[in-house]
């Protein structure tokens, strides 16, 4: 749960078409609270689906990255996210990355992102939010958010606190726009993520 985007891994697990180019999907991780805000509103959690341009020369580098970000609005404890519930208890509380070893047929990231992408997204060029904070990252923040319950947020916060000397959050403060332009996009991104 506390994995970071500086670990791209050795092999892609699918791809997304972003701006007409194929980007290989490597991993997903979560932040609490959200790192991005919409009209100044922060969310309880945010997922980052980390991709890299399909170019063998880029392997093992942090160049030509793209992130599809999904925001989670806090609901009540009866509104736990059913998709997250399939995997949330499988993550270890230890630091680092985890490979999902459960029933992969339960995780259909294609269907999940396809539903969310249909409502459009916001696009800008920015940087990774964790070291090495690489610039030139294509950010694609989905307009549609999902619900998450306090128990699911608390599980992530507890894992973070255990591994970060009592610090129960892992978000970078929202950065000023400076010269960046945020563009509202229709559903032109497509995903084909394999789990």
C-alpha atoms as a PDB file:
ATOM      1  CA  UNK A   1       0.000   0.000   0.000  1.00  0.00           C
ATOM      2  CA  UNK A   2       2.858   2.336   0.665  1.00  0.00           C
ATOM      3  CA  UNK A   3       4.619   1.674  -2.612  1.00  0.00           C
ATOM      4  CA  UNK A   4       6.080   4.591  -4.480  1.00  0.00           C
ATOM      5  CA  UNK A   5       6.144   5.590  -8.120  1.00  0.00           C
ATOM      6  CA  UNK A   6       9.929   5.359  -8.288  1.00  0.00           C
ATOM      7  CA  UNK A   7       9.657   1.605  -8.809  1.00  0.00           C
ATOM      8  CA  UNK A   8       8.578   0.953 -12.398  1.00  0.00           C
ATOM      9  CA  UNK A   9       9.348  -2.765 -12.319  1.00  0.00           C
ATOM     10  CA  UNK A  10      10.729  -4.995 -15.017  1.00  0.00           C
ATOM     11  CA  UNK A  11       7.738  -5.690 -17.210  1.00  0.00           C
ATOM     12  CA  UNK A  12       4.578  -3.882 -18.138  1.00  0.00           C
ATOM     13  CA  UNK A  13       1.180  -5.164 -17.063  1.00  0.00           C
ATOM     14  CA  UNK A  14      -0.798  -3.712 -19.938  1.00  0.00           C
ATOM     15  CA  UNK A  15      -1.005  -0.311 -21.558  1.00  0.00           C
ATOM     16  CA  UNK A  16      -3.042   2.847 -22.054  1.00  0.00           C
ATOM     17  CA  UNK A  17      -3.329   4.971 -25.165  1.00  0.00           C
ATOM     18  CA  UNK A  18      -2.656   8.550 -24.105  1.00  0.00           C
ATOM     19  CA  UNK A  19      -2.624  11.328 -26.672  1.00  0.00           C
ATOM     20  CA  UNK A  20      -2.434   8.746 -29.462  1.00  0.00           C
ATOM     21  CA  UNK A  21       0.692   7.090 -28.041  1.00  0.00           C
ATOM     22  CA  UNK A  22       1.016   3.719 -26.307  1.00  0.00           C
ATOM     23  CA  UNK A  23       2.122   3.920 -22.682  1.00  0.00           C
ATOM     24  CA  UNK A  24       2.957   0.708 -20.789  1.00  0.00           C
ATOM     25  CA  UNK A  25       1.327   0.315 -17.382  1.00  0.00           C
ATOM     26  CA  UNK A  26       3.698  -0.673 -14.558  1.00  0.00           C
ATOM     27  CA  UNK A  27       2.036  -0.144 -11.205  1.00  0.00           C
ATOM     28  CA  UNK A  28      -0.655   1.532  -9.155  1.00  0.00           C
ATOM     29  CA  UNK A  29      -0.218   3.124  -5.737  1.00  0.00           C
ATOM     30  CA  UNK A  30      -2.337   5.259  -3.407  1.00  0.00           C
ATOM     31  CA  UNK A  31      -1.902   8.523  -1.535  1.00  0.00           C
ATOM     32  CA  UNK A  32      -3.843   9.891   1.404  1.00  0.00           C
ATOM     33  CA  UNK A  33      -5.028  12.571   1.370  1.00  0.00           C
ATOM     34  CA  UNK A  34      -5.133  13.350  -2.357  1.00  0.00           C
ATOM     35  CA  UNK A  35      -2.239  15.164  -3.964  1.00  0.00           C
ATOM     36  CA  UNK A  36      -4.423  16.838  -6.564  1.00  0.00           C
ATOM     37  CA  UNK A  37      -7.381  19.098  -5.926  1.00  0.00           C
ATOM     38  CA  UNK A  38     -10.336  20.068  -8.116  1.00  0.00           C
ATOM     39  CA  UNK A  39     -11.513  23.663  -7.592  1.00  0.00           C
ATOM     40  CA  UNK A  40      -9.505  23.698  -4.349  1.00  0.00           C
ATOM     41  CA  UNK A  41     -11.204  20.546  -3.016  1.00  0.00           C
ATOM     42  CA  UNK A  42      -8.934  17.730  -1.786  1.00  0.00           C
ATOM     43  CA  UNK A  43     -10.133  14.134  -1.547  1.00  0.00           C
ATOM     44  CA  UNK A  44      -9.589  11.372   1.009  1.00  0.00           C
ATOM     45  CA  UNK A  45      -7.388   9.276  -1.293  1.00  0.00           C
ATOM     46  CA  UNK A  46      -5.897   9.234  -4.764  1.00  0.00           C
ATOM     47  CA  UNK A  47      -4.672   6.348  -6.922  1.00  0.00           C
ATOM     48  CA  UNK A  48      -1.860   6.785  -9.450  1.00  0.00           C
ATOM     49  CA  UNK A  49      -1.675   4.358 -12.375  1.00  0.00           C
ATOM     50  CA  UNK A  50       1.943   4.823 -13.492  1.00  0.00           C
ATOM     51  CA  UNK A  51       2.865   4.377 -17.177  1.00  0.00           C
ATOM     52  CA  UNK A  52       5.867   4.876 -19.446  1.00  0.00           C
ATOM     53  CA  UNK A  53       5.986   5.507 -23.193  1.00  0.00           C
ATOM     54  CA  UNK A  54       6.351   2.226 -25.095  1.00  0.00           C
ATOM     55  CA  UNK A  55      10.000   2.703 -26.113  1.00  0.00           C
ATOM     56  CA  UNK A  56      12.684   0.138 -25.219  1.00  0.00           C
ATOM     57  CA  UNK A  57      15.308   2.884 -24.999  1.00  0.00           C
ATOM     58  CA  UNK A  58      13.465   4.305 -21.971  1.00  0.00           C
ATOM     59  CA  UNK A  59      13.585   1.116 -19.891  1.00  0.00           C
ATOM     60  CA  UNK A  60      14.885   1.581 -16.334  1.00  0.00           C
ATOM     61  CA  UNK A  61      14.608   5.368 -16.658  1.00  0.00           C
ATOM     62  CA  UNK A  62      12.147   7.954 -15.410  1.00  0.00           C
ATOM     63  CA  UNK A  63      11.590   9.583 -18.798  1.00  0.00           C
ATOM     64  CA  UNK A  64       8.335   9.929 -20.768  1.00  0.00           C
ATOM     65  CA  UNK A  65       6.087   8.917 -17.883  1.00  0.00           C
ATOM     66  CA  UNK A  66       2.325   9.289 -17.713  1.00  0.00           C
ATOM     67  CA  UNK A  67       0.017   8.980 -14.717  1.00  0.00           C
ATOM     68  CA  UNK A  68      -3.718   8.357 -14.755  1.00  0.00           C
ATOM     69  CA  UNK A  69      -5.004   9.612 -11.396  1.00  0.00           C
ATOM     70  CA  UNK A  70      -8.278   8.613  -9.728  1.00  0.00           C
ATOM     71  CA  UNK A  71      -9.703  10.530  -6.751  1.00  0.00           C
ATOM     72  CA  UNK A  72     -11.676   8.938  -3.904  1.00  0.00           C
ATOM     73  CA  UNK A  73     -14.327  10.948  -2.034  1.00  0.00           C
ATOM     74  CA  UNK A  74     -14.924   9.974   1.592  1.00  0.00           C
ATOM     75  CA  UNK A  75     -18.312   8.330   2.016  1.00  0.00           C
ATOM     76  CA  UNK A  76     -19.586   6.726   5.175  1.00  0.00           C
ATOM     77  CA  UNK A  77     -18.590   3.339   6.572  1.00  0.00           C
ATOM     78  CA  UNK A  78     -21.381   1.660   4.637  1.00  0.00           C
ATOM     79  CA  UNK A  79     -19.967   3.026   1.373  1.00  0.00           C
ATOM     80  CA  UNK A  80     -16.694   1.106   1.245  1.00  0.00           C
ATOM     81  CA  UNK A  81     -15.224   0.884  -2.238  1.00  0.00           C
ATOM     82  CA  UNK A  82     -16.111  -2.580  -3.540  1.00  0.00           C
ATOM     83  CA  UNK A  83     -13.236  -2.662  -6.042  1.00  0.00           C
ATOM     84  CA  UNK A  84     -10.660  -1.772  -3.376  1.00  0.00           C
ATOM     85  CA  UNK A  85     -12.247  -4.296  -0.999  1.00  0.00           C
ATOM     86  CA  UNK A  86     -11.097  -7.056  -3.372  1.00  0.00           C
ATOM     87  CA  UNK A  87      -7.442  -6.184  -2.815  1.00  0.00           C
ATOM     88  CA  UNK A  88      -7.165  -3.959   0.256  1.00  0.00           C
ATOM     89  CA  UNK A  89      -6.676  -6.789   2.753  1.00  0.00           C
ATOM     90  CA  UNK A  90      -4.048  -8.451   0.525  1.00  0.00           C
ATOM     91  CA  UNK A  91      -1.513  -5.671   0.893  1.00  0.00           C
ATOM     92  CA  UNK A  92       1.136  -6.192   3.569  1.00  0.00           C
ATOM     93  CA  UNK A  93       1.637  -3.554   6.219  1.00  0.00           C
ATOM     94  CA  UNK A  94       5.401  -3.627   5.522  1.00  0.00           C
ATOM     95  CA  UNK A  95       7.088  -0.904   3.498  1.00  0.00           C
ATOM     96  CA  UNK A  96       7.692  -1.201  -0.207  1.00  0.00           C
ATOM     97  CA  UNK A  97       5.862  -2.667  -3.139  1.00  0.00           C
ATOM     98  CA  UNK A  98       3.579  -5.684  -3.108  1.00  0.00           C
ATOM     99  CA  UNK A  99       2.558  -8.021  -5.879  1.00  0.00           C
ATOM    100  CA  UNK A 100      -1.087  -9.029  -5.762  1.00  0.00           C
ATOM    101  CA  UNK A 101      -1.177 -12.811  -5.372  1.00  0.00           C
ATOM    102  CA  UNK A 102      -4.931 -13.235  -5.120  1.00  0.00           C
ATOM    103  CA  UNK A 103      -7.439 -14.174  -7.788  1.00  0.00           C
ATOM    104  CA  UNK A 104      -6.515 -11.897 -10.687  1.00  0.00           C
ATOM    105  CA  UNK A 105      -9.861 -12.475 -12.376  1.00  0.00           C
ATOM    106  CA  UNK A 106     -11.380 -10.300  -9.617  1.00  0.00           C
ATOM    107  CA  UNK A 107      -9.367  -7.278 -10.767  1.00  0.00           C
ATOM    108  CA  UNK A 108     -10.481  -5.828 -14.063  1.00  0.00           C
ATOM    109  CA  UNK A 109      -8.597  -2.543 -14.297  1.00  0.00           C
ATOM    110  CA  UNK A 110      -9.754  -2.261 -17.918  1.00  0.00           C
ATOM    111  CA  UNK A 111     -13.403  -2.088 -16.909  1.00  0.00           C
ATOM    112  CA  UNK A 112     -12.606   0.107 -13.908  1.00  0.00           C
ATOM    113  CA  UNK A 113     -10.692   2.761 -15.841  1.00  0.00           C
ATOM    114  CA  UNK A 114     -12.912   2.570 -18.917  1.00  0.00           C
ATOM    115  CA  UNK A 115     -15.926   3.553 -16.805  1.00  0.00           C
ATOM    116  CA  UNK A 116     -14.027   6.432 -15.211  1.00  0.00           C
ATOM    117  CA  UNK A 117     -12.380   7.670 -18.431  1.00  0.00           C
ATOM    118  CA  UNK A 118     -15.776   7.930 -20.159  1.00  0.00           C
ATOM    119  CA  UNK A 119     -16.490  11.103 -18.140  1.00  0.00           C
ATOM    120  CA  UNK A 120     -13.303  12.819 -19.333  1.00  0.00           C
ATOM    121  CA  UNK A 121     -10.235  14.066 -17.499  1.00  0.00           C
ATOM    122  CA  UNK A 122      -7.946  17.009 -16.821  1.00  0.00           C
ATOM    123  CA  UNK A 123      -4.507  16.999 -18.463  1.00  0.00           C
ATOM    124  CA  UNK A 124      -1.293  18.892 -17.696  1.00  0.00           C
ATOM    125  CA  UNK A 125       2.452  18.351 -17.827  1.00  0.00           C
ATOM    126  CA  UNK A 126       4.067  18.159 -14.400  1.00  0.00           C
ATOM    127  CA  UNK A 127       6.442  16.056 -12.346  1.00  0.00           C
ATOM    128  CA  UNK A 128       6.455  12.927 -10.227  1.00  0.00           C
ATOM    129  CA  UNK A 129       5.289  13.676  -6.704  1.00  0.00           C
ATOM    130  CA  UNK A 130       7.946  11.482  -5.078  1.00  0.00           C
ATOM    131  CA  UNK A 131      11.738  11.580  -5.517  1.00  0.00           C
ATOM    132  CA  UNK A 132      13.328  11.937  -7.991  1.00  0.00           C
ATOM    133  CA  UNK A 133      10.401  14.305  -8.853  1.00  0.00           C
ATOM    134  CA  UNK A 134      11.121  13.827 -12.556  1.00  0.00           C
ATOM    135  CA  UNK A 135       9.681  16.562 -14.794  1.00  0.00           C
ATOM    136  CA  UNK A 136       7.844  16.021 -18.068  1.00  0.00           C
ATOM    137  CA  UNK A 137       5.181  13.677 -16.674  1.00  0.00           C
ATOM    138  CA  UNK A 138       1.862  13.594 -18.535  1.00  0.00           C
ATOM    139  CA  UNK A 139      -0.800  13.904 -15.817  1.00  0.00           C
ATOM    140  CA  UNK A 140      -4.343  12.731 -16.566  1.00  0.00           C
ATOM    141  CA  UNK A 141      -6.709  13.324 -13.632  1.00  0.00           C
ATOM    142  CA  UNK A 142     -10.034  11.571 -14.110  1.00  0.00           C
ATOM    143  CA  UNK A 143     -13.054  13.826 -13.631  1.00  0.00           C
ATOM    144  CA  UNK A 144     -15.141  11.046 -12.124  1.00  0.00           C
ATOM    145  CA  UNK A 145     -14.273  10.199  -8.534  1.00  0.00           C
ATOM    146  CA  UNK A 146     -15.189   7.146  -6.478  1.00  0.00           C
ATOM    147  CA  UNK A 147     -16.372   6.659  -2.903  1.00  0.00           C
ATOM    148  CA  UNK A 148     -14.161   5.187  -0.204  1.00  0.00           C
ATOM    149  CA  UNK A 149     -15.010   4.495   3.426  1.00  0.00           C
ATOM    150  CA  UNK A 150     -13.124   5.722   6.475  1.00  0.00           C
ATOM    151  CA  UNK A 151     -12.006   2.155   7.289  1.00  0.00           C
ATOM    152  CA  UNK A 152     -10.232   1.884   3.907  1.00  0.00           C
ATOM    153  CA  UNK A 153      -8.534   5.251   4.348  1.00  0.00           C
ATOM    154  CA  UNK A 154      -7.546   4.261   7.890  1.00  0.00           C
ATOM    155  CA  UNK A 155      -5.954   1.026   6.636  1.00  0.00           C
ATOM    156  CA  UNK A 156      -3.715   2.994   4.284  1.00  0.00           C
ATOM    157  CA  UNK A 157      -2.925   5.579   6.965  1.00  0.00           C
ATOM    158  CA  UNK A 158      -2.049   2.833   9.491  1.00  0.00           C
ATOM    159  CA  UNK A 159       0.283   1.157   6.992  1.00  0.00           C
ATOM    160  CA  UNK A 160       1.956   4.471   6.252  1.00  0.00           C
ATOM    161  CA  UNK A 161       2.303   5.313   9.948  1.00  0.00           C
ATOM    162  CA  UNK A 162       3.922   1.931  10.622  1.00  0.00           C
ATOM    163  CA  UNK A 163       6.474   2.468   7.883  1.00  0.00           C
ATOM    164  CA  UNK A 164       7.084   6.210   8.144  1.00  0.00           C
ATOM    165  CA  UNK A 165       7.881   6.693  11.835  1.00  0.00           C
ATOM    166  CA  UNK A 166       4.327   7.627  12.783  1.00  0.00           C
ATOM    167  CA  UNK A 167       3.542   9.768   9.731  1.00  0.00           C
ATOM    168  CA  UNK A 168       0.098   8.629   8.528  1.00  0.00           C
ATOM    169  CA  UNK A 169      -0.026  10.481   5.193  1.00  0.00           C
ATOM    170  CA  UNK A 170       1.977  10.346   1.968  1.00  0.00           C
ATOM    171  CA  UNK A 171       0.795  13.233  -0.144  1.00  0.00           C
ATOM    172  CA  UNK A 172       2.904  16.028  -1.544  1.00  0.00           C
ATOM    173  CA  UNK A 173       1.358  19.440  -1.021  1.00  0.00           C
ATOM    174  CA  UNK A 174      -0.430  20.646  -4.152  1.00  0.00           C
ATOM    175  CA  UNK A 175       2.010  22.738  -6.166  1.00  0.00           C
ATOM    176  CA  UNK A 176       1.250  26.108  -7.782  1.00  0.00           C
ATOM    177  CA  UNK A 177       0.471  25.967 -11.510  1.00  0.00           C
ATOM    178  CA  UNK A 178       3.250  28.408 -12.461  1.00  0.00           C
ATOM    179  CA  UNK A 179       3.390  28.159 -16.273  1.00  0.00           C
ATOM    180  CA  UNK A 180       1.466  24.867 -16.539  1.00  0.00           C
ATOM    181  CA  UNK A 181      -1.846  24.788 -18.342  1.00  0.00           C
ATOM    182  CA  UNK A 182      -4.599  22.390 -17.234  1.00  0.00           C
ATOM    183  CA  UNK A 183      -6.758  21.286 -20.143  1.00  0.00           C
ATOM    184  CA  UNK A 184     -10.197  19.723 -19.753  1.00  0.00           C
ATOM    185  CA  UNK A 185     -10.337  16.697 -22.060  1.00  0.00           C
ATOM    186  CA  UNK A 186     -13.088  14.432 -23.336  1.00  0.00           C
ATOM    187  CA  UNK A 187     -12.686  10.658 -23.114  1.00  0.00           C
ATOM    188  CA  UNK A 188      -9.822  10.219 -25.581  1.00  0.00           C
ATOM    189  CA  UNK A 189      -7.563   8.172 -23.293  1.00  0.00           C
ATOM    190  CA  UNK A 190      -8.118   4.425 -23.514  1.00  0.00           C
ATOM    191  CA  UNK A 191      -6.789   1.766 -21.199  1.00  0.00           C
ATOM    192  CA  UNK A 192      -5.947  -1.875 -21.662  1.00  0.00           C
ATOM    193  CA  UNK A 193      -4.448  -2.806 -18.324  1.00  0.00           C
ATOM    194  CA  UNK A 194      -3.654  -6.421 -17.599  1.00  0.00           C
ATOM    195  CA  UNK A 195      -3.425  -7.524 -13.981  1.00  0.00           C
END
